[in-house]
Amino acid sequence: METLFIPNEKDFKKWIKEAVEESLKVNSVGISNIKDDGNLLNRTEIAAFLRVSLVTLTDWMKRGLPSHKQRGRVYFMKSEVLDYIKKTKMKQVKLGSRLQHLNNEIL
């Protein structure tokens, strides 16, 4: 016959403490992997910088625009976004385009 283990309050506290410590450890590693160069922007800020709508920004994210998700929010590093624009066809912006202002940032 199997022995039935019934946890007490002390066991629950121990399990919760271990779970919280593990969660904090995982989240701090994720945060430290994102280098903070002072240019971390949210969706609204990067959309305003790129002069595009949030719908267009979401489409670009699906196509590979680099972003970082932290606690249900999306953040962008300005330097990564500019590097991405340099490496993709987006750098071939025609004169008069809404993205023409990025040529000064890229070059």
N, C-alpha and C. Protein backbone atom coordinates (compact mmCIF):
# COMPACT_ATOMS: atom_id res chain seq x y z
N MET A 1 0.84 -1.17 0.00
CA MET A 1 0.00 0.00 0.00
C MET A 1 0.90 1.25 0.00
N GLU A 2 0.52 2.27 -0.85
CA GLU A 2 1.31 3.49 -0.97
C GLU A 2 1.06 4.42 0.21
N THR A 3 2.10 5.17 0.55
CA THR A 3 1.99 6.16 1.61
C THR A 3 1.50 7.46 1.01
N LEU A 4 0.51 8.05 1.59
CA LEU A 4 -0.06 9.30 1.12
C LEU A 4 0.61 10.46 1.84
N PHE A 5 1.16 11.39 1.06
CA PHE A 5 1.84 12.55 1.62
C PHE A 5 0.88 13.73 1.63
N ILE A 6 0.64 14.28 2.77
CA ILE A 6 -0.22 15.45 2.91
C ILE A 6 0.66 16.62 3.31
N PRO A 7 0.81 17.61 2.39
CA PRO A 7 1.69 18.74 2.70
C PRO A 7 1.08 19.64 3.77
N ASN A 8 1.95 20.23 4.56
CA ASN A 8 1.49 21.18 5.58
C ASN A 8 1.84 22.60 5.14
N GLU A 9 1.58 23.56 5.98
CA GLU A 9 1.81 24.97 5.66
C GLU A 9 3.28 25.24 5.38
N LYS A 10 4.16 24.62 6.13
CA LYS A 10 5.60 24.81 5.96
C LYS A 10 6.04 24.33 4.57
N ASP A 11 5.51 23.21 4.12
CA ASP A 11 5.84 22.69 2.79
C ASP A 11 5.40 23.65 1.69
N PHE A 12 4.17 24.17 1.81
CA PHE A 12 3.66 25.11 0.82
C PHE A 12 4.52 26.37 0.76
N LYS A 13 4.91 26.90 1.91
CA LYS A 13 5.76 28.10 1.94
C LYS A 13 7.09 27.83 1.26
N LYS A 14 7.66 26.67 1.51
CA LYS A 14 8.94 26.30 0.92
C LYS A 14 8.82 26.21 -0.60
N TRP A 15 7.74 25.58 -1.09
CA TRP A 15 7.54 25.42 -2.53
C TRP A 15 7.32 26.78 -3.20
N ILE A 16 6.57 27.63 -2.56
CA ILE A 16 6.31 28.96 -3.12
C ILE A 16 7.61 29.77 -3.17
N LYS A 17 8.38 29.71 -2.10
CA LYS A 17 9.65 30.43 -2.05
C LYS A 17 10.58 29.95 -3.16
N GLU A 18 10.68 28.64 -3.35
CA GLU A 18 11.54 28.09 -4.40
C GLU A 18 11.05 28.51 -5.79
N ALA A 19 9.74 28.51 -6.00
CA ALA A 19 9.18 28.91 -7.30
C ALA A 19 9.45 30.38 -7.59
N VAL A 20 9.30 31.24 -6.59
CA VAL A 20 9.54 32.67 -6.77
C VAL A 20 11.02 32.93 -7.06
N GLU A 21 11.91 32.27 -6.31
CA GLU A 21 13.34 32.44 -6.54
C GLU A 21 13.73 31.99 -7.94
N GLU A 22 13.19 30.87 -8.37
CA GLU A 22 13.49 30.36 -9.71
C GLU A 22 12.96 31.32 -10.78
N SER A 23 11.77 31.85 -10.58
CA SER A 23 11.19 32.79 -11.53
C SER A 23 12.01 34.07 -11.62
N LEU A 24 12.44 34.60 -10.48
CA LEU A 24 13.26 35.80 -10.47
C LEU A 24 14.60 35.55 -11.15
N LYS A 25 15.16 34.38 -10.94
CA LYS A 25 16.44 34.03 -11.54
C LYS A 25 16.30 33.97 -13.06
N VAL A 26 15.25 33.35 -13.56
CA VAL A 26 15.02 33.24 -15.00
C VAL A 26 14.78 34.61 -15.60
N ASN A 27 13.95 35.45 -14.96
CA ASN A 27 13.64 36.78 -15.49
C ASN A 27 14.86 37.69 -15.47
N SER A 28 15.70 37.59 -14.44
CA SER A 28 16.88 38.45 -14.39
C SER A 28 17.87 38.06 -15.47
N VAL A 29 17.96 36.78 -15.82
CA VAL A 29 18.84 36.34 -16.91
C VAL A 29 18.31 36.89 -18.22
N GLY A 30 16.99 36.84 -18.43
CA GLY A 30 16.40 37.38 -19.66
C GLY A 30 16.61 38.86 -19.79
N ILE A 31 16.50 39.58 -18.71
CA ILE A 31 16.69 41.02 -18.73
C ILE A 31 18.15 41.36 -18.97
N SER A 32 19.07 40.60 -18.38
CA SER A 32 20.48 40.92 -18.55
C SER A 32 20.96 40.61 -19.97
N ASN A 33 20.25 39.74 -20.69
CA ASN A 33 20.63 39.45 -22.06
C ASN A 33 20.34 40.63 -22.98
N ILE A 34 19.45 41.51 -22.58
CA ILE A 34 19.14 42.70 -23.36
C ILE A 34 20.07 43.80 -22.89
N LYS A 35 20.99 44.18 -23.75
CA LYS A 35 21.93 45.23 -23.35
C LYS A 35 21.20 46.57 -23.37
N ASP A 36 21.31 47.29 -22.33
CA ASP A 36 20.60 48.56 -22.20
C ASP A 36 21.55 49.68 -22.57
N ASP A 37 21.36 50.19 -23.80
CA ASP A 37 22.20 51.29 -24.21
C ASP A 37 21.44 52.60 -24.13
N GLY A 38 20.39 52.62 -23.37
CA GLY A 38 19.64 53.85 -23.17
C GLY A 38 18.63 54.14 -24.26
N ASN A 39 18.50 53.24 -25.23
CA ASN A 39 17.58 53.47 -26.33
C ASN A 39 16.49 52.42 -26.39
N LEU A 40 16.02 51.95 -25.27
CA LEU A 40 14.95 50.97 -25.23
C LEU A 40 13.62 51.70 -25.38
N LEU A 41 12.87 51.35 -26.42
CA LEU A 41 11.63 52.06 -26.74
C LEU A 41 10.46 51.09 -26.76
N ASN A 42 9.28 51.58 -26.40
CA ASN A 42 8.08 50.75 -26.49
C ASN A 42 7.51 50.85 -27.91
N ARG A 43 6.39 50.15 -28.16
CA ARG A 43 5.81 50.11 -29.50
C ARG A 43 5.41 51.49 -30.01
N THR A 44 4.80 52.28 -29.16
CA THR A 44 4.35 53.61 -29.58
C THR A 44 5.52 54.51 -29.93
N GLU A 45 6.56 54.45 -29.12
CA GLU A 45 7.73 55.30 -29.35
C GLU A 45 8.46 54.92 -30.64
N ILE A 46 8.64 53.61 -30.87
CA ILE A 46 9.37 53.20 -32.08
C ILE A 46 8.52 53.46 -33.32
N ALA A 47 7.20 53.33 -33.21
CA ALA A 47 6.32 53.63 -34.35
C ALA A 47 6.39 55.12 -34.68
N ALA A 48 6.44 55.97 -33.66
CA ALA A 48 6.56 57.40 -33.89
C ALA A 48 7.92 57.72 -34.51
N PHE A 49 8.97 57.06 -34.03
CA PHE A 49 10.31 57.28 -34.58
C PHE A 49 10.37 56.88 -36.05
N LEU A 50 9.75 55.73 -36.39
CA LEU A 50 9.77 55.24 -37.76
C LEU A 50 8.69 55.90 -38.63
N ARG A 51 7.80 56.64 -37.96
CA ARG A 51 6.69 57.31 -38.64
C ARG A 51 5.79 56.33 -39.38
N VAL A 52 5.43 55.25 -38.67
CA VAL A 52 4.51 54.25 -39.20
C VAL A 52 3.43 53.99 -38.16
N SER A 53 2.36 53.36 -38.59
CA SER A 53 1.27 53.02 -37.67
C SER A 53 1.65 51.78 -36.86
N LEU A 54 0.91 51.54 -35.79
CA LEU A 54 1.14 50.35 -34.97
C LEU A 54 0.83 49.08 -35.76
N VAL A 55 -0.12 49.16 -36.69
CA VAL A 55 -0.44 48.01 -37.53
C VAL A 55 0.75 47.66 -38.42
N THR A 56 1.36 48.67 -39.03
CA THR A 56 2.54 48.45 -39.87
C THR A 56 3.69 47.91 -39.03
N LEU A 57 3.86 48.46 -37.83
CA LEU A 57 4.92 47.99 -36.94
C LEU A 57 4.72 46.51 -36.60
N THR A 58 3.50 46.11 -36.33
CA THR A 58 3.21 44.70 -36.03
C THR A 58 3.54 43.83 -37.23
N ASP A 59 3.21 44.29 -38.42
CA ASP A 59 3.53 43.55 -39.63
C ASP A 59 5.04 43.40 -39.78
N TRP A 60 5.78 44.46 -39.52
CA TRP A 60 7.24 44.40 -39.62
C TRP A 60 7.81 43.45 -38.58
N MET A 61 7.20 43.41 -37.40
CA MET A 61 7.66 42.49 -36.36
C MET A 61 7.50 41.05 -36.84
N LYS A 62 6.37 40.77 -37.51
CA LYS A 62 6.14 39.42 -38.05
C LYS A 62 7.15 39.08 -39.13
N ARG A 63 7.66 40.10 -39.81
CA ARG A 63 8.63 39.90 -40.89
C ARG A 63 10.07 39.88 -40.38
N GLY A 64 10.27 40.09 -39.08
CA GLY A 64 11.61 39.95 -38.53
C GLY A 64 12.20 41.15 -37.83
N LEU A 65 11.44 42.23 -37.68
CA LEU A 65 11.96 43.39 -36.96
C LEU A 65 12.31 42.97 -35.54
N PRO A 66 13.55 43.19 -35.09
CA PRO A 66 13.96 42.70 -33.77
C PRO A 66 13.22 43.40 -32.64
N SER A 67 12.72 42.60 -31.72
CA SER A 67 12.00 43.12 -30.56
C SER A 67 12.27 42.22 -29.37
N HIS A 68 11.96 42.73 -28.19
CA HIS A 68 12.17 41.99 -26.95
C HIS A 68 10.89 42.04 -26.14
N LYS A 69 10.43 40.89 -25.69
CA LYS A 69 9.21 40.83 -24.89
C LYS A 69 9.58 40.64 -23.42
N GLN A 70 9.03 41.51 -22.61
CA GLN A 70 9.26 41.43 -21.16
C GLN A 70 7.93 41.63 -20.46
N ARG A 71 7.50 40.60 -19.75
CA ARG A 71 6.27 40.66 -18.95
C ARG A 71 5.07 41.15 -19.76
N GLY A 72 4.89 40.59 -20.94
CA GLY A 72 3.74 40.90 -21.76
C GLY A 72 3.84 42.19 -22.54
N ARG A 73 4.97 42.86 -22.50
CA ARG A 73 5.15 44.10 -23.25
C ARG A 73 6.28 43.91 -24.25
N VAL A 74 6.22 44.70 -25.30
CA VAL A 74 7.22 44.60 -26.37
C VAL A 74 8.08 45.86 -26.35
N TYR A 75 9.40 45.65 -26.40
CA TYR A 75 10.34 46.76 -26.41
C TYR A 75 11.30 46.59 -27.58
N PHE A 76 11.84 47.71 -28.03
CA PHE A 76 12.77 47.72 -29.15
C PHE A 76 14.02 48.48 -28.75
N MET A 77 15.15 48.00 -29.24
CA MET A 77 16.39 48.75 -29.09
C MET A 77 16.59 49.52 -30.38
N LYS A 78 16.73 50.80 -30.26
CA LYS A 78 16.86 51.67 -31.43
C LYS A 78 18.01 51.21 -32.32
N SER A 79 19.14 50.85 -31.71
CA SER A 79 20.31 50.43 -32.50
C SER A 79 20.02 49.15 -33.28
N GLU A 80 19.31 48.19 -32.67
CA GLU A 80 18.97 46.95 -33.36
C GLU A 80 18.02 47.22 -34.52
N VAL A 81 17.05 48.09 -34.32
CA VAL A 81 16.09 48.42 -35.37
C VAL A 81 16.82 49.08 -36.54
N LEU A 82 17.73 50.01 -36.24
CA LEU A 82 18.48 50.66 -37.31
C LEU A 82 19.39 49.68 -38.05
N ASP A 83 20.02 48.76 -37.32
CA ASP A 83 20.84 47.73 -37.96
C ASP A 83 19.99 46.84 -38.87
N TYR A 84 18.80 46.48 -38.41
CA TYR A 84 17.90 45.67 -39.20
C TYR A 84 17.52 46.39 -40.49
N ILE A 85 17.23 47.67 -40.37
CA ILE A 85 16.86 48.46 -41.55
C ILE A 85 18.04 48.54 -42.52
N LYS A 86 19.25 48.65 -41.98
CA LYS A 86 20.44 48.68 -42.84
C LYS A 86 20.60 47.38 -43.62
N LYS A 87 20.34 46.26 -42.96
CA LYS A 87 20.60 44.95 -43.56
C LYS A 87 19.50 44.49 -44.51
N THR A 88 18.33 45.06 -44.43
CA THR A 88 17.23 44.62 -45.28
C THR A 88 17.02 45.60 -46.42
N LYS A 89 16.09 45.29 -47.23
CA LYS A 89 15.78 46.13 -48.38
C LYS A 89 15.20 47.48 -47.98
N MET A 90 14.87 47.63 -46.72
CA MET A 90 14.29 48.89 -46.27
C MET A 90 15.29 50.03 -46.42
N LYS A 91 16.58 49.70 -46.56
CA LYS A 91 17.56 50.77 -46.68
C LYS A 91 17.51 51.43 -48.05
N GLN A 92 16.84 50.80 -49.00
CA GLN A 92 16.71 51.36 -50.33
C GLN A 92 15.48 52.25 -50.41
N VAL A 93 15.41 53.18 -49.50
CA VAL A 93 14.27 54.09 -49.41
C VAL A 93 14.39 55.15 -50.49
N LYS A 94 13.30 55.38 -51.19
CA LYS A 94 13.30 56.37 -52.26
C LYS A 94 13.09 57.77 -51.68
N LEU A 95 13.58 58.76 -52.39
CA LEU A 95 13.39 60.14 -51.96
C LEU A 95 11.90 60.45 -51.90
N GLY A 96 11.52 61.18 -50.89
CA GLY A 96 10.12 61.54 -50.72
C GLY A 96 9.33 60.51 -49.94
N SER A 97 9.94 59.41 -49.61
CA SER A 97 9.26 58.38 -48.85
C SER A 97 9.08 58.81 -47.40
N ARG A 98 8.10 58.21 -46.75
CA ARG A 98 7.88 58.52 -45.34
C ARG A 98 9.07 58.08 -44.49
N LEU A 99 9.86 57.16 -44.99
CA LEU A 99 11.00 56.65 -44.23
C LEU A 99 12.31 57.33 -44.61
N GLN A 100 12.25 58.35 -45.42
CA GLN A 100 13.46 59.05 -45.86
C GLN A 100 14.26 59.60 -44.68
N HIS A 101 13.57 60.01 -43.63
CA HIS A 101 14.28 60.58 -42.46
C HIS A 101 15.23 59.58 -41.82
N LEU A 102 15.04 58.29 -42.07
CA LEU A 102 15.91 57.26 -41.49
C LEU A 102 17.26 57.22 -42.19
N ASN A 103 17.35 57.71 -43.41
CA ASN A 103 18.64 57.70 -44.10
C ASN A 103 19.70 58.45 -43.31
N ASN A 104 19.32 59.54 -42.65
CA ASN A 104 20.28 60.28 -41.84
C ASN A 104 20.73 59.47 -40.64
N GLU A 105 19.83 58.68 -40.06
CA GLU A 105 20.17 57.85 -38.90
C GLU A 105 21.06 56.68 -39.33
N ILE A 106 20.78 56.12 -40.50
CA ILE A 106 21.50 54.94 -40.98
C ILE A 106 22.90 55.32 -41.42
N LEU A 107 23.01 56.40 -42.14
CA LEU A 107 24.31 56.79 -42.70
C LEU A 107 25.12 57.50 -41.70
